[in-house]
Amino acid sequence: MFELVLGEGWDEYFLKLDSSQQERIWKRIQKLKDLLSTRHLKHGLPFFVLETGQYRICYEENLNIRKIRFAGTHKQYEKWYKNIVS
């Protein structure tokens, strides 16, 4: 079981979503406590991606701690990704 930590600024895009979308994504974030593995964002970057329909959740993993770094739509995810890569 993993401990979830919310990273600084993780909700920048999340808060722009309507409440029903936020609820759906939040439930999925809570499942990260028990989920064994997800897709690695890109080799060389310390992030993993969980896809929920058109939404993305990105997090870092260190031992038994998962730090949420992003939650939002795919389009918002692309913006966020470009900011961390550059």
N, C-alpha and C. Protein backbone atom coordinates (compact mmCIF):
# COMPACT_ATOMS: atom_id res chain seq x y z
N MET A 1 0.84 -1.18 0.00
CA MET A 1 0.00 0.00 0.00
C MET A 1 0.89 1.25 0.00
N PHE A 2 0.50 2.23 -0.79
CA PHE A 2 1.27 3.45 -0.93
C PHE A 2 0.63 4.60 -0.15
N GLU A 3 1.48 5.51 0.30
CA GLU A 3 1.01 6.74 0.92
C GLU A 3 0.93 7.79 -0.18
N LEU A 4 -0.16 8.55 -0.23
CA LEU A 4 -0.31 9.60 -1.23
C LEU A 4 0.05 10.95 -0.64
N VAL A 5 0.83 11.71 -1.41
CA VAL A 5 1.22 13.06 -1.03
C VAL A 5 0.87 13.96 -2.20
N LEU A 6 0.29 15.12 -1.91
CA LEU A 6 -0.07 16.06 -2.97
C LEU A 6 1.06 17.06 -3.15
N GLY A 7 1.64 17.07 -4.36
CA GLY A 7 2.74 17.97 -4.66
C GLY A 7 2.26 19.40 -4.84
N GLU A 8 3.17 20.32 -4.71
CA GLU A 8 2.85 21.74 -4.86
C GLU A 8 2.38 22.01 -6.29
N GLY A 9 1.24 22.66 -6.41
CA GLY A 9 0.71 23.03 -7.72
C GLY A 9 0.05 21.90 -8.49
N TRP A 10 -0.15 20.76 -7.86
CA TRP A 10 -0.73 19.62 -8.56
C TRP A 10 -2.14 19.91 -9.07
N ASP A 11 -2.86 20.79 -8.37
CA ASP A 11 -4.26 21.03 -8.68
C ASP A 11 -4.52 22.26 -9.56
N GLU A 12 -3.47 22.81 -10.15
CA GLU A 12 -3.63 23.99 -11.00
C GLU A 12 -4.69 23.78 -12.07
N TYR A 13 -4.65 22.65 -12.74
CA TYR A 13 -5.62 22.34 -13.79
C TYR A 13 -6.85 21.62 -13.23
N PHE A 14 -6.64 20.84 -12.20
CA PHE A 14 -7.71 20.07 -11.57
C PHE A 14 -8.85 20.99 -11.11
N LEU A 15 -8.53 22.13 -10.55
CA LEU A 15 -9.54 23.06 -10.02
C LEU A 15 -10.35 23.73 -11.13
N LYS A 16 -9.88 23.68 -12.36
CA LYS A 16 -10.60 24.27 -13.49
C LYS A 16 -11.71 23.35 -14.00
N LEU A 17 -11.71 22.10 -13.58
CA LEU A 17 -12.71 21.13 -14.02
C LEU A 17 -13.98 21.29 -13.20
N ASP A 18 -15.10 20.83 -13.76
CA ASP A 18 -16.34 20.91 -12.98
C ASP A 18 -16.33 19.83 -11.89
N SER A 19 -17.23 19.98 -10.93
CA SER A 19 -17.19 19.13 -9.73
C SER A 19 -17.37 17.64 -10.01
N SER A 20 -18.17 17.28 -11.02
CA SER A 20 -18.36 15.86 -11.32
C SER A 20 -17.07 15.25 -11.88
N GLN A 21 -16.36 16.01 -12.69
CA GLN A 21 -15.08 15.54 -13.22
C GLN A 21 -14.04 15.44 -12.10
N GLN A 22 -14.03 16.44 -11.21
CA GLN A 22 -13.11 16.42 -10.09
C GLN A 22 -13.35 15.19 -9.21
N GLU A 23 -14.61 14.88 -8.97
CA GLU A 23 -14.95 13.72 -8.14
C GLU A 23 -14.45 12.43 -8.78
N ARG A 24 -14.65 12.31 -10.08
CA ARG A 24 -14.21 11.10 -10.81
C ARG A 24 -12.68 10.94 -10.72
N ILE A 25 -11.96 12.04 -10.95
CA ILE A 25 -10.50 11.98 -10.90
C ILE A 25 -10.02 11.73 -9.47
N TRP A 26 -10.66 12.36 -8.49
CA TRP A 26 -10.25 12.17 -7.10
C TRP A 26 -10.39 10.71 -6.68
N LYS A 27 -11.46 10.05 -7.09
CA LYS A 27 -11.64 8.63 -6.78
C LYS A 27 -10.50 7.81 -7.37
N ARG A 28 -10.11 8.18 -8.59
CA ARG A 28 -9.02 7.47 -9.25
C ARG A 28 -7.69 7.71 -8.54
N ILE A 29 -7.48 8.94 -8.07
CA ILE A 29 -6.27 9.26 -7.31
C ILE A 29 -6.22 8.39 -6.05
N GLN A 30 -7.35 8.23 -5.39
CA GLN A 30 -7.39 7.41 -4.17
C GLN A 30 -7.04 5.95 -4.47
N LYS A 31 -7.35 5.49 -5.67
CA LYS A 31 -7.02 4.11 -6.04
C LYS A 31 -5.52 3.91 -6.22
N LEU A 32 -4.78 5.01 -6.37
CA LEU A 32 -3.32 4.90 -6.49
C LEU A 32 -2.68 4.34 -5.23
N LYS A 33 -3.40 4.35 -4.12
CA LYS A 33 -2.87 3.77 -2.89
C LYS A 33 -2.63 2.28 -3.06
N ASP A 34 -3.49 1.62 -3.82
CA ASP A 34 -3.42 0.17 -3.96
C ASP A 34 -2.95 -0.32 -5.32
N LEU A 35 -3.00 0.54 -6.33
CA LEU A 35 -2.63 0.16 -7.69
C LEU A 35 -1.15 -0.18 -7.76
N LEU A 36 -0.82 -1.33 -8.34
CA LEU A 36 0.57 -1.77 -8.35
C LEU A 36 1.45 -1.01 -9.34
N SER A 37 1.00 -0.86 -10.58
CA SER A 37 1.87 -0.19 -11.54
C SER A 37 1.05 0.52 -12.61
N THR A 38 1.66 1.53 -13.20
CA THR A 38 1.06 2.27 -14.30
C THR A 38 2.16 2.54 -15.32
N ARG A 39 1.82 3.29 -16.34
CA ARG A 39 2.76 3.57 -17.44
C ARG A 39 3.78 4.62 -17.02
N HIS A 40 5.02 4.39 -17.39
CA HIS A 40 6.09 5.35 -17.14
C HIS A 40 5.95 6.45 -18.17
N LEU A 41 6.03 7.73 -17.74
CA LEU A 41 5.84 8.85 -18.65
C LEU A 41 6.85 8.82 -19.78
N LYS A 42 8.12 8.83 -19.45
CA LYS A 42 9.18 8.80 -20.45
C LYS A 42 10.45 8.41 -19.72
N HIS A 43 11.25 7.59 -20.33
CA HIS A 43 12.49 7.20 -19.68
C HIS A 43 13.36 8.43 -19.50
N GLY A 44 13.92 8.57 -18.33
CA GLY A 44 14.71 9.74 -18.00
C GLY A 44 13.96 10.73 -17.15
N LEU A 45 12.63 10.64 -17.12
CA LEU A 45 11.81 11.49 -16.26
C LEU A 45 11.23 10.62 -15.15
N PRO A 46 11.12 11.16 -13.94
CA PRO A 46 10.69 10.34 -12.80
C PRO A 46 9.18 10.23 -12.63
N PHE A 47 8.41 10.40 -13.69
CA PHE A 47 6.96 10.44 -13.58
C PHE A 47 6.29 9.20 -14.16
N PHE A 48 5.13 8.89 -13.58
CA PHE A 48 4.26 7.83 -14.08
C PHE A 48 2.92 8.45 -14.41
N VAL A 49 2.19 7.84 -15.34
CA VAL A 49 0.91 8.39 -15.80
C VAL A 49 -0.18 7.36 -15.61
N LEU A 50 -1.30 7.83 -15.06
CA LEU A 50 -2.50 7.01 -14.94
C LEU A 50 -3.56 7.68 -15.81
N GLU A 51 -4.08 6.94 -16.76
CA GLU A 51 -5.09 7.48 -17.68
C GLU A 51 -6.48 7.08 -17.20
N THR A 52 -7.38 8.05 -17.19
CA THR A 52 -8.77 7.83 -16.80
C THR A 52 -9.62 8.50 -17.86
N GLY A 53 -9.99 7.76 -18.90
CA GLY A 53 -10.71 8.36 -20.02
C GLY A 53 -9.84 9.41 -20.67
N GLN A 54 -10.35 10.64 -20.77
CA GLN A 54 -9.56 11.72 -21.37
C GLN A 54 -8.73 12.47 -20.34
N TYR A 55 -8.69 11.99 -19.11
CA TYR A 55 -7.96 12.66 -18.04
C TYR A 55 -6.66 11.93 -17.74
N ARG A 56 -5.69 12.69 -17.23
CA ARG A 56 -4.39 12.14 -16.89
C ARG A 56 -4.04 12.53 -15.47
N ILE A 57 -3.40 11.61 -14.78
CA ILE A 57 -2.88 11.85 -13.44
C ILE A 57 -1.40 11.47 -13.49
N CYS A 58 -0.53 12.40 -13.14
CA CYS A 58 0.91 12.13 -13.14
C CYS A 58 1.41 12.17 -11.70
N TYR A 59 2.33 11.27 -11.42
CA TYR A 59 2.87 11.20 -10.07
C TYR A 59 4.29 10.69 -10.10
N GLU A 60 4.99 10.96 -9.01
CA GLU A 60 6.33 10.42 -8.79
C GLU A 60 6.22 9.33 -7.74
N GLU A 61 7.11 8.36 -7.82
CA GLU A 61 7.06 7.26 -6.87
C GLU A 61 8.43 7.09 -6.23
N ASN A 62 8.45 7.02 -4.90
CA ASN A 62 9.69 6.82 -4.17
C ASN A 62 9.38 5.88 -3.01
N LEU A 63 9.89 4.68 -3.09
CA LEU A 63 9.62 3.62 -2.11
C LEU A 63 8.12 3.42 -1.97
N ASN A 64 7.52 3.76 -0.84
CA ASN A 64 6.08 3.53 -0.66
C ASN A 64 5.28 4.85 -0.66
N ILE A 65 5.85 5.90 -1.28
CA ILE A 65 5.18 7.20 -1.36
C ILE A 65 4.94 7.57 -2.81
N ARG A 66 3.73 7.96 -3.11
CA ARG A 66 3.39 8.46 -4.45
C ARG A 66 2.98 9.92 -4.31
N LYS A 67 3.73 10.78 -4.99
CA LYS A 67 3.49 12.22 -4.92
C LYS A 67 2.76 12.66 -6.18
N ILE A 68 1.53 13.13 -6.03
CA ILE A 68 0.72 13.57 -7.16
C ILE A 68 1.28 14.90 -7.65
N ARG A 69 1.57 14.97 -8.96
CA ARG A 69 2.14 16.18 -9.54
C ARG A 69 1.20 16.89 -10.49
N PHE A 70 0.22 16.16 -11.06
CA PHE A 70 -0.69 16.75 -12.03
C PHE A 70 -1.97 15.92 -12.10
N ALA A 71 -3.10 16.62 -12.31
CA ALA A 71 -4.37 15.95 -12.60
C ALA A 71 -5.17 16.90 -13.47
N GLY A 72 -5.60 16.43 -14.63
CA GLY A 72 -6.39 17.26 -15.54
C GLY A 72 -6.67 16.55 -16.84
N THR A 73 -7.13 17.32 -17.83
CA THR A 73 -7.47 16.74 -19.13
C THR A 73 -6.21 16.45 -19.93
N HIS A 74 -6.38 15.73 -21.02
CA HIS A 74 -5.25 15.40 -21.87
C HIS A 74 -4.60 16.66 -22.44
N LYS A 75 -5.41 17.62 -22.83
CA LYS A 75 -4.89 18.88 -23.39
C LYS A 75 -4.08 19.64 -22.33
N GLN A 76 -4.59 19.69 -21.11
CA GLN A 76 -3.87 20.34 -20.02
C GLN A 76 -2.58 19.58 -19.70
N TYR A 77 -2.64 18.27 -19.81
CA TYR A 77 -1.49 17.41 -19.58
C TYR A 77 -0.36 17.74 -20.55
N GLU A 78 -0.71 17.98 -21.81
CA GLU A 78 0.30 18.34 -22.81
C GLU A 78 0.99 19.65 -22.43
N LYS A 79 0.23 20.64 -21.96
CA LYS A 79 0.81 21.92 -21.52
C LYS A 79 1.74 21.69 -20.33
N TRP A 80 1.26 20.94 -19.36
CA TRP A 80 2.06 20.66 -18.16
C TRP A 80 3.35 19.94 -18.54
N TYR A 81 3.24 18.96 -19.41
CA TYR A 81 4.39 18.18 -19.83
C TYR A 81 5.44 19.05 -20.50
N LYS A 82 4.99 19.96 -21.38
CA LYS A 82 5.93 20.86 -22.07
C LYS A 82 6.66 21.75 -21.07
N ASN A 83 5.97 22.17 -20.02
CA ASN A 83 6.61 23.01 -18.99
C ASN A 83 7.67 22.28 -18.20
N ILE A 84 7.46 21.00 -17.90
CA ILE A 84 8.45 20.27 -17.10
C ILE A 84 9.63 19.84 -17.94
N VAL A 85 9.42 19.62 -19.24
CA VAL A 85 10.51 19.17 -20.10
C VAL A 85 11.43 20.34 -20.45
N SER A 86 10.87 21.53 -20.63
CA SER A 86 11.71 22.66 -21.03
C SER A 86 12.43 23.31 -19.86
